Each structure stands twice: as structure tokens, then as C-alpha cells.
Amino acid sequence: MASAINTTNYAGETLEIIAFRLHDQEFCVKTTTIREIRGWAPSTPIPHSPPEVIGVMNLRGSVIPIIDLAYKLGMESTQANERSAIVVAEVHNMVIGMLVDRVSDILTVAGSQIQPVPEVTASFDRSYSEGIIANENGMICFLNLAKMFREKDMDDVAA
């Protein structure tokens, strides 16, 4: 039988999350990591950047990297369109923009609703996810941005 772990225990807490879509899947992050949500605008490509970095954009005088979040999660790259959004987050004291297909909702969930990510195989890396939230509309993968974008990786993006 596959075991499951929960990387963070939110029992007894109430969390505000922002849900968004990547292809046909729903993901979310805590609103406390989000600075703003912007409509899609083309970014400026940077030569020799990591493959998940689409480019950079000017955010009120600051140049920030734009990450293809679907690609970062091992999915097919997002093809930006007029419904796409840039979710601007602060991770390890660095501001980044994450390209998503569209923002779905801002929700308040009880920590008890977050279920552990099941272990699929011994080599399966669950560190990107805090857990799974099951609701009446389906399931939402709760992402951990601090683990997705480790401090060393952030230095590489900024370089």
C-alpha cells in the first residue's frame, strides 16, 4: 500500500489560497506569497536562461523573471493568450512572475481540507506540493513555492 506524507501540517488553521489553471489542472498557492496578478504581456527573452524562464518584464521599474510554471512542473509549456495571467510572487526575497493559463478563484480553506500527496514510487518527488485539496469542483494541487524555487535556483535565475 502506498504511504502518504504531508510536508506541512495546517490542522486548525484557515488558509487563503489563490487557485489557477495550468492546462486542464488546478493548482493553488497561499495568498501571502502573492504580490499581484497581471494580465499577460510579452516578456523580453534572456539568452542562456534556464528553460523555464520565458524572459523578463518591467514591473514598475524593477526587472523580474517570468517563469513558465507549467514547464517548471514538468508539463507542456503554456502557450500564452489573452486569458493568460502573470501571478507575481515573492519567494526567498526575490520577486518573480509565473505564467498561468488563468486565475480561477481566491478561496478560504480549512487546514483539515489539505490531504497528503500519496507516494507513487520511491523516487517520486512530492516536495513541490503541500498537499491536495478536494472540493466540490475537483481537486487542487497546493504548491509550495519556497521548495519549487530554492534559494540557489533563485540566484541562478537572477544571474
Protein backbone atom coordinates (compact mmCIF):
# COMPACT_ATOMS: atom_id res chain seq x y z
CA MET A 1 0.00 0.00 0.00
CA ALA A 2 1.35 3.44 -0.90
CA SER A 3 2.06 5.74 2.02
CA ALA A 4 1.45 9.46 2.12
CA ILE A 5 3.12 12.37 3.84
CA ASN A 6 2.06 15.92 4.43
CA THR A 7 5.02 18.29 4.27
CA THR A 8 3.32 20.93 6.38
CA ASN A 9 0.62 20.48 8.99
CA TYR A 10 -2.11 23.11 8.66
CA ALA A 11 -4.59 21.41 11.04
CA GLY A 12 -6.59 24.01 12.91
CA GLU A 13 -5.60 26.81 10.53
CA THR A 14 -7.64 28.66 7.95
CA LEU A 15 -5.77 29.49 4.76
CA GLU A 16 -6.48 31.89 1.94
CA ILE A 17 -5.34 30.49 -1.38
CA ILE A 18 -5.35 31.66 -4.95
CA ALA A 19 -6.30 28.95 -7.45
CA PHE A 20 -5.19 28.94 -11.07
CA ARG A 21 -5.21 26.63 -14.06
CA LEU A 22 -2.34 25.12 -15.98
CA HIS A 23 -3.73 23.22 -18.97
CA ASP A 24 -6.66 21.27 -17.52
CA GLN A 25 -5.34 21.06 -13.98
CA GLU A 26 -6.00 23.28 -10.98
CA PHE A 27 -3.20 24.45 -8.68
CA CYS A 28 -3.05 26.90 -5.79
CA VAL A 29 -0.64 28.80 -3.55
CA LYS A 30 -1.08 30.77 -0.33
CA THR A 31 -2.15 34.36 -0.96
CA THR A 32 0.54 35.56 1.46
CA THR A 33 3.20 34.80 -1.19
CA ILE A 34 1.35 36.73 -3.93
CA ARG A 35 2.03 40.40 -4.62
CA GLU A 36 -0.32 40.91 -7.55
CA ILE A 37 -1.92 39.38 -10.61
CA ARG A 38 -1.33 40.92 -14.01
CA GLY A 39 -2.71 40.26 -17.45
CA TRP A 40 -0.41 38.63 -19.94
CA ALA A 41 2.14 40.86 -21.65
CA PRO A 42 5.06 39.61 -23.73
CA SER A 43 8.38 39.40 -21.92
CA THR A 44 11.91 40.04 -23.16
CA PRO A 45 13.85 36.80 -23.71
CA ILE A 46 17.20 36.40 -21.97
CA PRO A 47 19.90 34.38 -23.79
CA HIS A 48 21.14 31.24 -21.99
CA SER A 49 18.47 31.45 -19.28
CA PRO A 50 17.12 28.26 -17.67
CA PRO A 51 14.47 26.57 -19.85
CA GLU A 52 11.56 27.50 -17.55
CA VAL A 53 12.46 31.21 -17.74
CA ILE A 54 10.43 32.80 -20.54
CA GLY A 55 12.16 36.14 -20.14
CA VAL A 56 11.92 39.28 -18.03
CA MET A 57 9.41 42.09 -17.68
CA ASN A 58 9.43 45.58 -16.21
CA LEU A 59 7.29 45.76 -13.08
CA ARG A 60 7.11 49.42 -12.07
CA GLY A 61 10.82 49.97 -12.62
CA SER A 62 12.02 46.54 -11.42
CA VAL A 63 13.05 43.84 -13.88
CA ILE A 64 11.60 40.47 -12.82
CA PRO A 65 11.96 36.98 -14.36
CA ILE A 66 8.86 35.35 -15.85
CA ILE A 67 8.64 31.60 -15.21
CA ASP A 68 6.60 29.17 -17.32
CA LEU A 69 5.04 27.43 -14.32
CA ALA A 70 3.67 24.53 -16.36
CA TYR A 71 7.16 23.77 -17.71
CA LYS A 72 8.64 24.09 -14.20
CA LEU A 73 6.15 21.44 -13.05
CA GLY A 74 7.12 19.05 -15.86
CA MET A 75 4.13 19.79 -18.07
CA GLU A 76 3.97 21.04 -21.65
CA SER A 77 4.84 24.75 -21.89
CA THR A 78 1.99 27.22 -21.63
CA GLN A 79 1.05 28.99 -24.85
CA ALA A 80 0.16 32.46 -23.60
CA ASN A 81 -3.05 34.09 -24.84
CA GLU A 82 -5.42 36.89 -23.82
CA ARG A 83 -6.77 34.81 -20.87
CA SER A 84 -3.29 34.05 -19.51
CA ALA A 85 -2.07 35.79 -16.39
CA ILE A 86 1.17 36.57 -14.63
CA VAL A 87 0.98 35.75 -10.93
CA VAL A 88 3.64 37.89 -9.25
CA ALA A 89 5.04 36.27 -6.11
CA GLU A 90 7.84 36.89 -3.67
CA VAL A 91 9.95 33.83 -2.97
CA HIS A 92 13.15 33.97 -0.90
CA ASN A 93 13.09 37.78 -1.05
CA MET A 94 13.02 37.76 -4.85
CA VAL A 95 10.05 38.82 -6.95
CA ILE A 96 9.11 36.51 -9.83
CA GLY A 97 6.24 36.31 -12.29
CA MET A 98 4.63 32.96 -13.01
CA LEU A 99 2.76 32.43 -16.28
CA VAL A 100 -0.54 30.58 -15.74
CA ASP A 101 -3.39 29.81 -18.14
CA ARG A 102 -5.83 31.75 -15.98
CA VAL A 103 -6.57 32.58 -12.37
CA SER A 104 -9.64 30.69 -11.15
CA ASP A 105 -10.53 31.89 -7.68
CA ILE A 106 -9.45 33.09 -4.27
CA LEU A 107 -10.62 30.62 -1.66
CA THR A 108 -10.57 30.20 2.09
CA VAL A 109 -9.93 26.60 3.13
CA ALA A 110 -9.60 24.85 6.45
CA GLY A 111 -6.22 23.25 7.03
CA SER A 112 -8.02 19.96 7.63
CA GLN A 113 -9.09 20.00 3.94
CA ILE A 114 -5.47 19.62 2.82
CA GLN A 115 -4.78 15.96 2.24
CA PRO A 116 -1.29 14.49 1.89
CA VAL A 117 0.15 13.76 -1.53
CA PRO A 118 0.19 9.98 -1.99
CA GLU A 119 3.53 8.32 -2.63
CA VAL A 120 3.52 6.98 -6.17
CA THR A 121 7.03 5.46 -6.27
CA ALA A 122 10.09 5.68 -4.06
CA SER A 123 11.71 8.16 -6.48
CA PHE A 124 8.59 10.37 -6.71
CA ASP A 125 9.41 13.93 -5.56
CA ARG A 126 6.50 15.40 -3.61
CA SER A 127 8.43 18.42 -2.35
CA TYR A 128 6.75 20.87 -4.74
CA SER A 129 3.35 20.14 -3.21
CA GLU A 130 1.97 20.89 0.26
CA GLY A 131 -0.93 18.55 -0.42
CA ILE A 132 -4.18 18.12 -2.30
CA ILE A 133 -7.41 20.00 -1.63
CA ALA A 134 -10.54 18.11 -2.64
CA ASN A 135 -13.64 20.26 -3.15
CA GLU A 136 -16.96 20.03 -4.99
CA ASN A 137 -15.31 21.15 -8.26
CA GLY A 138 -12.50 18.59 -8.22
CA MET A 139 -9.01 18.52 -6.77
CA ILE A 140 -6.48 21.34 -6.40
CA CYS A 141 -2.75 20.72 -6.02
CA PHE A 142 -1.43 23.03 -3.28
CA LEU A 143 2.06 24.17 -4.37
CA ASN A 144 4.98 25.08 -2.11
CA LEU A 145 6.77 27.94 -3.91
CA ALA A 146 9.64 28.04 -1.40
CA LYS A 147 10.53 24.45 -2.27
CA MET A 148 9.85 24.85 -6.00
CA PHE A 149 12.18 27.83 -6.19
CA ARG A 150 15.04 27.05 -3.82
CA GLU A 151 17.35 29.91 -2.88
CA LYS A 152 20.21 28.50 -5.01
CA ASP A 153 17.87 28.26 -8.02
CA MET A 154 16.73 31.85 -7.46
CA ASP A 155 20.35 33.00 -7.61
CA ASP A 156 20.69 31.23 -10.98
CA VAL A 157 17.55 32.94 -12.32
CA ALA A 158 18.77 36.35 -11.17
CA ALA A 159 22.27 35.87 -12.63
